[in-house]
Amino acid sequence: AARFTATAGIGPLGYLARWRMHIACKALRDDDLPVASIAALIGYSSQGAFSNAFKRATGLSPSLWGERQAGANAA
């Protein structure tokens, strides 16, 4: 773990959490999937747990984040 942290600048679990949120953001932006499907896709057992983690990471709920991305892409 120390070697990973020294190389990546973040611990393995932190890196995994960021990567999962990156995949979720991409899916919310590019795919027409329900939030529950995206949660399952990135390994969350419940939509609620995913939504809480996503909001901690981005400051927005997955649905609101997706709506804002759709609005930004339409403009």
C-alpha atoms as a PDB file:
ATOM      1  CA  ALA A   1       0.000   0.000   0.000  1.00  0.00           C
ATOM      2  CA  ALA A   2       2.840   2.396   0.795  1.00  0.00           C
ATOM      3  CA  ARG A   3       4.414   1.834  -2.612  1.00  0.00           C
ATOM      4  CA  PHE A   4       1.072   2.357  -4.346  1.00  0.00           C
ATOM      5  CA  THR A   5       0.460   5.560  -2.381  1.00  0.00           C
ATOM      6  CA  ALA A   6       3.940   6.841  -3.207  1.00  0.00           C
ATOM      7  CA  THR A   7       3.380   6.161  -6.903  1.00  0.00           C
ATOM      8  CA  ALA A   8      -0.250   7.213  -7.277  1.00  0.00           C
ATOM      9  CA  GLY A   9      -0.339   9.920  -4.625  1.00  0.00           C
ATOM     10  CA  ILE A  10      -3.422   8.340  -3.069  1.00  0.00           C
ATOM     11  CA  GLY A  11      -4.090   5.118  -1.173  1.00  0.00           C
ATOM     12  CA  PRO A  12      -5.497   2.045  -2.938  1.00  0.00           C
ATOM     13  CA  LEU A  13      -8.996   2.417  -1.492  1.00  0.00           C
ATOM     14  CA  GLY A  14      -9.104   6.120  -2.295  1.00  0.00           C
ATOM     15  CA  TYR A  15      -7.947   5.375  -5.828  1.00  0.00           C
ATOM     16  CA  LEU A  16     -10.631   2.707  -6.220  1.00  0.00           C
ATOM     17  CA  ALA A  17     -13.318   5.076  -4.938  1.00  0.00           C
ATOM     18  CA  ARG A  18     -12.237   7.794  -7.389  1.00  0.00           C
ATOM     19  CA  TRP A  19     -12.120   5.330 -10.265  1.00  0.00           C
ATOM     20  CA  ARG A  20     -15.615   4.060  -9.462  1.00  0.00           C
ATOM     21  CA  MET A  21     -16.944   7.634  -9.430  1.00  0.00           C
ATOM     22  CA  HIS A  22     -15.168   8.332 -12.733  1.00  0.00           C
ATOM     23  CA  ILE A  23     -16.908   5.327 -14.308  1.00  0.00           C
ATOM     24  CA  ALA A  24     -20.234   6.413 -12.782  1.00  0.00           C
ATOM     25  CA  CYS A  25     -19.875   9.950 -14.168  1.00  0.00           C
ATOM     26  CA  LYS A  26     -19.084   8.578 -17.610  1.00  0.00           C
ATOM     27  CA  ALA A  27     -22.111   6.263 -17.480  1.00  0.00           C
ATOM     28  CA  LEU A  28     -24.408   9.047 -16.260  1.00  0.00           C
ATOM     29  CA  ARG A  29     -23.186  11.323 -19.048  1.00  0.00           C
ATOM     30  CA  ASP A  30     -22.980   8.860 -21.942  1.00  0.00           C
ATOM     31  CA  ASP A  31     -25.410   6.008 -21.274  1.00  0.00           C
ATOM     32  CA  ASP A  32     -29.155   5.995 -20.838  1.00  0.00           C
ATOM     33  CA  LEU A  33     -29.092   3.770 -17.754  1.00  0.00           C
ATOM     34  CA  PRO A  34     -31.072   4.147 -14.534  1.00  0.00           C
ATOM     35  CA  VAL A  35     -29.084   5.125 -11.451  1.00  0.00           C
ATOM     36  CA  ALA A  36     -29.693   1.688  -9.905  1.00  0.00           C
ATOM     37  CA  SER A  37     -28.070   0.012 -12.926  1.00  0.00           C
ATOM     38  CA  ILE A  38     -25.045   2.300 -12.731  1.00  0.00           C
ATOM     39  CA  ALA A  39     -24.744   1.561  -9.010  1.00  0.00           C
ATOM     40  CA  ALA A  40     -24.684  -2.175  -9.737  1.00  0.00           C
ATOM     41  CA  LEU A  41     -22.284  -1.675 -12.660  1.00  0.00           C
ATOM     42  CA  ILE A  42     -19.625  -0.154 -10.420  1.00  0.00           C
ATOM     43  CA  GLY A  43     -20.127  -2.586  -7.563  1.00  0.00           C
ATOM     44  CA  TYR A  44     -22.594  -1.023  -5.140  1.00  0.00           C
ATOM     45  CA  SER A  45     -25.146  -3.370  -3.637  1.00  0.00           C
ATOM     46  CA  SER A  46     -27.745  -0.619  -3.278  1.00  0.00           C
ATOM     47  CA  GLN A  47     -28.720   2.542  -5.098  1.00  0.00           C
ATOM     48  CA  GLY A  48     -28.833   4.389  -1.768  1.00  0.00           C
ATOM     49  CA  ALA A  49     -25.230   3.565  -0.882  1.00  0.00           C
ATOM     50  CA  PHE A  50     -24.106   4.615  -4.360  1.00  0.00           C
ATOM     51  CA  SER A  51     -26.099   7.852  -4.226  1.00  0.00           C
ATOM     52  CA  ASN A  52     -24.587   8.760  -0.854  1.00  0.00           C
ATOM     53  CA  ALA A  53     -21.047   8.030  -2.055  1.00  0.00           C
ATOM     54  CA  PHE A  54     -21.615   9.932  -5.294  1.00  0.00           C
ATOM     55  CA  LYS A  55     -22.949  12.962  -3.448  1.00  0.00           C
ATOM     56  CA  ARG A  56     -19.945  12.919  -1.089  1.00  0.00           C
ATOM     57  CA  ALA A  57     -17.617  12.791  -4.094  1.00  0.00           C
ATOM     58  CA  THR A  58     -19.316  15.366  -6.332  1.00  0.00           C
ATOM     59  CA  GLY A  59     -21.595  17.431  -4.106  1.00  0.00           C
ATOM     60  CA  LEU A  60     -24.612  16.451  -6.224  1.00  0.00           C
ATOM     61  CA  SER A  61     -26.954  13.488  -6.410  1.00  0.00           C
ATOM     62  CA  PRO A  62     -26.379  11.211  -9.409  1.00  0.00           C
ATOM     63  CA  SER A  63     -29.676  12.294 -10.981  1.00  0.00           C
ATOM     64  CA  LEU A  64     -28.956  16.001 -10.604  1.00  0.00           C
ATOM     65  CA  TRP A  65     -25.386  15.562 -11.854  1.00  0.00           C
ATOM     66  CA  GLY A  66     -26.701  13.743 -14.932  1.00  0.00           C
ATOM     67  CA  GLU A  67     -29.320  16.437 -15.586  1.00  0.00           C
ATOM     68  CA  ARG A  68     -26.688  19.175 -15.378  1.00  0.00           C
ATOM     69  CA  GLN A  69     -24.394  17.294 -17.747  1.00  0.00           C
ATOM     70  CA  ALA A  70     -27.240  16.824 -20.224  1.00  0.00           C
ATOM     71  CA  GLY A  71     -28.026  20.546 -20.023  1.00  0.00           C
ATOM     72  CA  ALA A  72     -24.383  21.481 -20.524  1.00  0.00           C
ATOM     73  CA  ASN A  73     -24.101  19.193 -23.547  1.00  0.00           C
ATOM     74  CA  ALA A  74     -27.278  20.622 -25.095  1.00  0.00           C
ATOM     75  CA  ALA A  75     -26.069  24.220 -24.800  1.00  0.00           C
END
